[in-house]
Amino acid sequence: MRLDLIIEEDMAEEIGRILGYDKVKGEIPKINFQPKQNEIYSKILFARTKLLNDGYSEVMNSTFCNTGEVSVLASASDRIF
């Protein structure tokens, strides 16, 4: 399941990448591309947008090791007003 395929051009780019851009004809065919809505992703995006609009900050961390503990703050006491 690909969540990054939003518009028709995204699908066309992926087809060209997989087949090879040199094999893609210069004519653009009309396709009826309608991606399926991912319900879980939509809910996550809604919650994220709501929290960001309410003034919360988003932090994305990455690590170079695949072991360790994961923790989540129990409260929003570090929120900046």
N, C-alpha and C. Protein backbone atom coordinates (compact mmCIF):
# COMPACT_ATOMS: atom_id res chain seq x y z
N MET A 1 0.85 -1.16 0.00
CA MET A 1 0.00 0.00 0.00
C MET A 1 0.90 1.23 0.00
N ARG A 2 0.67 2.12 -0.92
CA ARG A 2 1.49 3.31 -1.06
C ARG A 2 0.67 4.53 -0.67
N LEU A 3 1.06 5.19 0.39
CA LEU A 3 0.34 6.37 0.87
C LEU A 3 0.81 7.64 0.17
N ASP A 4 1.92 7.55 -0.57
CA ASP A 4 2.46 8.73 -1.22
C ASP A 4 1.93 8.93 -2.63
N LEU A 5 1.10 8.03 -3.13
CA LEU A 5 0.50 8.19 -4.45
C LEU A 5 -0.82 8.94 -4.29
N ILE A 6 -0.75 10.24 -4.51
CA ILE A 6 -1.91 11.09 -4.26
C ILE A 6 -2.61 11.49 -5.56
N ILE A 7 -1.83 11.93 -6.54
CA ILE A 7 -2.42 12.43 -7.78
C ILE A 7 -1.96 11.55 -8.94
N GLU A 8 -2.56 11.76 -10.12
CA GLU A 8 -2.25 10.94 -11.29
C GLU A 8 -0.78 10.99 -11.65
N GLU A 9 -0.16 12.15 -11.49
CA GLU A 9 1.24 12.31 -11.85
C GLU A 9 2.15 11.42 -10.99
N ASP A 10 1.75 11.18 -9.73
CA ASP A 10 2.52 10.29 -8.87
C ASP A 10 2.54 8.88 -9.44
N MET A 11 1.39 8.41 -9.91
CA MET A 11 1.31 7.07 -10.49
C MET A 11 2.11 7.01 -11.79
N ALA A 12 2.01 8.03 -12.61
CA ALA A 12 2.76 8.06 -13.87
C ALA A 12 4.26 8.03 -13.60
N GLU A 13 4.71 8.74 -12.60
CA GLU A 13 6.13 8.76 -12.26
C GLU A 13 6.60 7.37 -11.82
N GLU A 14 5.80 6.68 -11.03
CA GLU A 14 6.16 5.35 -10.57
C GLU A 14 6.22 4.36 -11.73
N ILE A 15 5.28 4.45 -12.65
CA ILE A 15 5.29 3.57 -13.82
C ILE A 15 6.54 3.81 -14.64
N GLY A 16 6.88 5.08 -14.86
CA GLY A 16 8.09 5.41 -15.60
C GLY A 16 9.34 4.93 -14.90
N ARG A 17 9.37 5.05 -13.61
CA ARG A 17 10.54 4.61 -12.84
C ARG A 17 10.72 3.10 -12.93
N ILE A 18 9.61 2.35 -12.85
CA ILE A 18 9.69 0.90 -12.87
C ILE A 18 9.99 0.38 -14.28
N LEU A 19 9.27 0.88 -15.28
CA LEU A 19 9.47 0.41 -16.65
C LEU A 19 10.74 0.94 -17.28
N GLY A 20 11.13 2.12 -16.88
CA GLY A 20 12.26 2.81 -17.50
C GLY A 20 11.71 3.98 -18.30
N TYR A 21 12.24 5.16 -18.04
CA TYR A 21 11.71 6.36 -18.68
C TYR A 21 11.88 6.32 -20.20
N ASP A 22 12.89 5.61 -20.69
CA ASP A 22 13.12 5.52 -22.13
C ASP A 22 12.05 4.68 -22.83
N LYS A 23 11.31 3.85 -22.11
CA LYS A 23 10.28 2.99 -22.70
C LYS A 23 8.89 3.63 -22.65
N VAL A 24 8.76 4.75 -21.99
CA VAL A 24 7.46 5.42 -21.88
C VAL A 24 7.22 6.26 -23.12
N LYS A 25 6.06 6.06 -23.74
CA LYS A 25 5.71 6.82 -24.95
C LYS A 25 5.44 8.28 -24.60
N GLY A 26 5.59 9.13 -25.59
CA GLY A 26 5.39 10.56 -25.41
C GLY A 26 3.94 10.97 -25.27
N GLU A 27 3.01 10.07 -25.56
CA GLU A 27 1.59 10.38 -25.46
C GLU A 27 1.09 10.05 -24.06
N ILE A 28 0.29 10.89 -23.52
CA ILE A 28 -0.27 10.66 -22.18
C ILE A 28 -1.66 10.06 -22.33
N PRO A 29 -1.83 8.80 -21.92
CA PRO A 29 -3.16 8.20 -22.00
C PRO A 29 -4.06 8.71 -20.89
N LYS A 30 -5.34 8.72 -21.13
CA LYS A 30 -6.29 9.14 -20.12
C LYS A 30 -6.62 7.93 -19.26
N ILE A 31 -6.31 8.02 -17.99
CA ILE A 31 -6.63 6.93 -17.06
C ILE A 31 -7.53 7.48 -15.96
N ASN A 32 -8.33 6.61 -15.43
CA ASN A 32 -9.22 6.99 -14.34
C ASN A 32 -8.58 6.51 -13.04
N PHE A 33 -7.64 7.30 -12.53
CA PHE A 33 -6.90 6.93 -11.32
C PHE A 33 -7.55 7.58 -10.11
N GLN A 34 -8.08 6.75 -9.24
CA GLN A 34 -8.67 7.24 -8.01
C GLN A 34 -8.13 6.39 -6.87
N PRO A 35 -7.15 6.92 -6.13
CA PRO A 35 -6.58 6.13 -5.04
C PRO A 35 -7.60 5.86 -3.95
N LYS A 36 -7.45 4.73 -3.30
CA LYS A 36 -8.34 4.40 -2.19
C LYS A 36 -7.93 5.22 -0.97
N GLN A 37 -8.91 5.64 -0.22
CA GLN A 37 -8.66 6.41 1.00
C GLN A 37 -8.28 5.45 2.12
N ASN A 38 -7.14 5.68 2.73
CA ASN A 38 -6.70 4.88 3.86
C ASN A 38 -7.28 5.50 5.13
N GLU A 39 -8.23 4.81 5.73
CA GLU A 39 -8.97 5.36 6.88
C GLU A 39 -8.07 5.63 8.09
N ILE A 40 -7.15 4.72 8.38
CA ILE A 40 -6.26 4.90 9.53
C ILE A 40 -5.33 6.10 9.30
N TYR A 41 -4.76 6.19 8.09
CA TYR A 41 -3.87 7.31 7.77
C TYR A 41 -4.63 8.63 7.86
N SER A 42 -5.87 8.66 7.40
CA SER A 42 -6.68 9.88 7.47
C SER A 42 -6.91 10.31 8.91
N LYS A 43 -7.17 9.36 9.80
CA LYS A 43 -7.39 9.69 11.20
C LYS A 43 -6.11 10.22 11.85
N ILE A 44 -4.98 9.59 11.53
CA ILE A 44 -3.69 10.06 12.06
C ILE A 44 -3.40 11.47 11.57
N LEU A 45 -3.61 11.71 10.28
CA LEU A 45 -3.37 13.03 9.71
C LEU A 45 -4.28 14.08 10.33
N PHE A 46 -5.55 13.73 10.58
CA PHE A 46 -6.48 14.65 11.22
C PHE A 46 -6.01 15.02 12.62
N ALA A 47 -5.62 13.99 13.40
CA ALA A 47 -5.17 14.23 14.78
C ALA A 47 -3.89 15.07 14.78
N ARG A 48 -2.96 14.76 13.89
CA ARG A 48 -1.71 15.51 13.79
C ARG A 48 -1.98 16.98 13.47
N THR A 49 -2.83 17.22 12.48
CA THR A 49 -3.16 18.59 12.08
C THR A 49 -3.84 19.34 13.22
N LYS A 50 -4.76 18.68 13.90
CA LYS A 50 -5.47 19.30 15.03
C LYS A 50 -4.50 19.70 16.13
N LEU A 51 -3.59 18.80 16.50
CA LEU A 51 -2.64 19.10 17.56
C LEU A 51 -1.68 20.22 17.17
N LEU A 52 -1.22 20.20 15.91
CA LEU A 52 -0.33 21.27 15.46
C LEU A 52 -1.05 22.62 15.45
N ASN A 53 -2.31 22.63 15.04
CA ASN A 53 -3.08 23.88 15.04
C ASN A 53 -3.37 24.38 16.45
N ASP A 54 -3.40 23.46 17.42
CA ASP A 54 -3.63 23.85 18.82
C ASP A 54 -2.35 24.30 19.52
N GLY A 55 -1.24 24.31 18.79
CA GLY A 55 -0.01 24.83 19.35
C GLY A 55 1.00 23.81 19.82
N TYR A 56 0.71 22.54 19.66
CA TYR A 56 1.68 21.51 20.04
C TYR A 56 2.79 21.45 19.00
N SER A 57 3.93 20.95 19.41
CA SER A 57 5.07 20.80 18.51
C SER A 57 5.22 19.34 18.13
N GLU A 58 5.73 19.11 16.93
CA GLU A 58 5.97 17.76 16.46
C GLU A 58 7.47 17.50 16.46
N VAL A 59 7.85 16.35 16.98
CA VAL A 59 9.25 15.95 16.99
C VAL A 59 9.37 14.60 16.32
N MET A 60 10.28 14.49 15.35
CA MET A 60 10.54 13.22 14.68
C MET A 60 12.00 12.89 14.90
N ASN A 61 12.25 11.81 15.59
CA ASN A 61 13.61 11.38 15.87
C ASN A 61 13.92 10.10 15.11
N SER A 62 15.16 9.94 14.75
CA SER A 62 15.59 8.69 14.16
C SER A 62 16.81 8.21 14.92
N THR A 63 17.02 6.92 14.88
CA THR A 63 18.14 6.34 15.61
C THR A 63 18.91 5.40 14.68
N PHE A 64 20.15 5.18 14.99
CA PHE A 64 20.97 4.32 14.17
C PHE A 64 21.10 2.91 14.75
N CYS A 65 20.36 2.62 15.81
CA CYS A 65 20.37 1.26 16.35
C CYS A 65 18.93 0.77 16.41
N ASN A 66 18.76 -0.53 16.37
CA ASN A 66 17.40 -1.07 16.33
C ASN A 66 17.02 -1.77 17.65
N THR A 67 17.71 -1.43 18.73
CA THR A 67 17.32 -1.97 20.03
C THR A 67 17.18 -0.82 21.01
N GLY A 68 16.43 -1.03 22.03
CA GLY A 68 16.25 0.00 23.04
C GLY A 68 14.80 0.16 23.42
N GLU A 69 14.54 1.10 24.29
CA GLU A 69 13.20 1.32 24.78
C GLU A 69 12.56 2.51 24.07
N VAL A 70 11.25 2.45 23.96
CA VAL A 70 10.48 3.53 23.39
C VAL A 70 9.65 4.12 24.51
N SER A 71 9.66 5.44 24.63
CA SER A 71 8.87 6.07 25.69
C SER A 71 8.06 7.22 25.12
N VAL A 72 6.94 7.47 25.75
CA VAL A 72 6.06 8.56 25.36
C VAL A 72 5.81 9.40 26.60
N LEU A 73 5.83 10.72 26.44
CA LEU A 73 5.55 11.59 27.57
C LEU A 73 4.14 11.37 28.07
N ALA A 74 3.98 11.29 29.38
CA ALA A 74 2.68 11.02 29.97
C ALA A 74 1.78 12.26 30.00
N SER A 75 2.39 13.44 29.93
CA SER A 75 1.59 14.66 29.96
C SER A 75 2.19 15.68 29.02
N ALA A 76 1.48 16.76 28.85
CA ALA A 76 1.95 17.84 27.99
C ALA A 76 2.56 18.95 28.83
N SER A 77 3.23 18.59 29.91
CA SER A 77 3.77 19.61 30.81
C SER A 77 4.93 20.38 30.16
N ASP A 78 5.50 19.83 29.09
CA ASP A 78 6.59 20.54 28.43
C ASP A 78 6.08 21.44 27.29
N ARG A 79 4.79 21.55 27.14
CA ARG A 79 4.19 22.36 26.09
C ARG A 79 4.50 23.83 26.31
N ILE A 80 4.89 24.52 25.26
CA ILE A 80 5.20 25.94 25.34
C ILE A 80 3.93 26.74 25.00
N PHE A 81 3.59 27.66 25.86
CA PHE A 81 2.38 28.46 25.63
C PHE A 81 2.72 29.78 25.02
